[in-house]
Amino acid sequence: MLLVDAVAVPAVTSTLLDLFRRKGRLDEDGAELAFVPVAGPGMRISGDLPPGSVSRSEQSNTSVVYGTRFMLKLFRRLEYG
């Protein structure tokens, strides 16, 4: 078995950015995940951005950086099961 952190895969970080761009929603087994961007006044996720790269300075959570304009902060919570 091979276990991979999904944010290490460029296609995943690109998909996450696209979901925020279009304020997407994912529904699975009665659970919903909504992608709502929070940006400064007048900022929009537009234009071509480089693929996301994982910031190496983070210790407990994960930050994905898209060039110099956007950052996606992921908070992880472990659950039994």
Protein backbone atom coordinates (compact mmCIF):
# COMPACT_ATOMS: atom_id res chain seq x y z
CA MET A 1 0.00 0.00 0.00
CA LEU A 2 1.21 3.47 -0.88
CA LEU A 3 -0.05 6.42 1.13
CA VAL A 4 0.25 9.87 -0.51
CA ASP A 5 -0.58 13.31 0.83
CA ALA A 6 -2.94 14.64 -1.85
CA VAL A 7 -1.59 18.21 -1.72
CA ALA A 8 1.71 16.86 -3.05
CA VAL A 9 -0.08 16.10 -6.35
CA PRO A 10 -0.25 19.15 -8.68
CA ALA A 11 -3.59 18.05 -10.20
CA VAL A 12 -5.15 18.12 -6.72
CA THR A 13 -3.93 21.63 -5.87
CA SER A 14 -5.15 22.87 -9.27
CA THR A 15 -8.57 21.29 -8.68
CA LEU A 16 -8.81 22.88 -5.23
CA LEU A 17 -8.07 26.31 -6.69
CA ASP A 18 -10.69 25.78 -9.40
CA LEU A 19 -13.30 24.81 -6.80
CA PHE A 20 -12.66 28.10 -4.96
CA ARG A 21 -12.82 30.06 -8.24
CA ARG A 22 -16.32 28.80 -8.98
CA LYS A 23 -17.46 28.52 -5.35
CA GLY A 24 -17.91 24.80 -5.84
CA ARG A 25 -19.55 22.24 -3.59
CA LEU A 26 -18.85 18.56 -3.07
CA ASP A 27 -21.52 16.23 -1.69
CA GLU A 28 -20.73 12.74 -0.48
CA ASP A 29 -22.72 10.43 1.79
CA GLY A 30 -24.79 13.27 3.25
CA ALA A 31 -21.77 15.48 3.95
CA GLU A 32 -21.21 18.72 2.08
CA LEU A 33 -18.00 20.64 1.54
CA ALA A 34 -18.37 24.22 0.26
CA PHE A 35 -15.46 26.14 -1.24
CA VAL A 36 -15.85 29.81 -0.32
CA PRO A 37 -12.89 32.09 -1.01
CA VAL A 38 -11.95 34.68 1.60
CA ALA A 39 -9.89 37.43 0.04
CA GLY A 40 -9.10 41.06 0.62
CA PRO A 41 -11.30 43.82 -0.85
CA GLY A 42 -11.31 43.75 -4.63
CA MET A 43 -9.32 40.53 -4.88
CA ARG A 44 -10.56 37.75 -7.12
CA ILE A 45 -9.06 34.45 -8.10
CA SER A 46 -8.64 35.13 -11.81
CA GLY A 47 -6.15 34.61 -14.56
CA ASP A 48 -3.59 31.88 -14.88
CA LEU A 49 -1.80 30.98 -11.70
CA PRO A 50 1.15 28.65 -11.27
CA PRO A 51 0.47 25.19 -9.83
CA GLY A 52 0.21 25.17 -6.06
CA SER A 53 3.25 24.22 -4.04
CA VAL A 54 3.30 23.14 -0.43
CA SER A 55 4.98 25.61 1.91
CA ARG A 56 7.81 23.94 3.78
CA SER A 57 7.68 26.38 6.71
CA GLU A 58 4.43 24.99 8.13
CA GLN A 59 4.71 22.54 11.01
CA SER A 60 1.24 21.47 12.17
CA ASN A 61 -1.04 22.25 9.21
CA THR A 62 -0.49 22.67 5.48
CA SER A 63 -0.32 25.78 3.32
CA VAL A 64 -0.47 25.60 -0.47
CA VAL A 65 0.99 28.66 -2.19
CA TYR A 66 -0.07 29.76 -5.69
CA GLY A 67 2.62 32.15 -6.88
CA THR A 68 2.77 35.32 -4.79
CA ARG A 69 -0.97 36.13 -4.79
CA PHE A 70 -2.85 33.31 -3.08
CA MET A 71 -2.41 30.81 -0.29
CA LEU A 72 -4.68 27.94 0.72
CA LYS A 73 -4.48 27.00 4.40
CA LEU A 74 -5.52 23.44 5.25
CA PHE A 75 -6.36 22.49 8.81
CA ARG A 76 -6.29 18.80 9.58
CA ARG A 77 -8.16 16.92 12.24
CA LEU A 78 -7.64 13.26 12.96
CA GLU A 79 -10.64 11.09 13.68
CA TYR A 80 -10.82 7.53 14.81
CA GLY A 81 -11.91 5.03 12.16
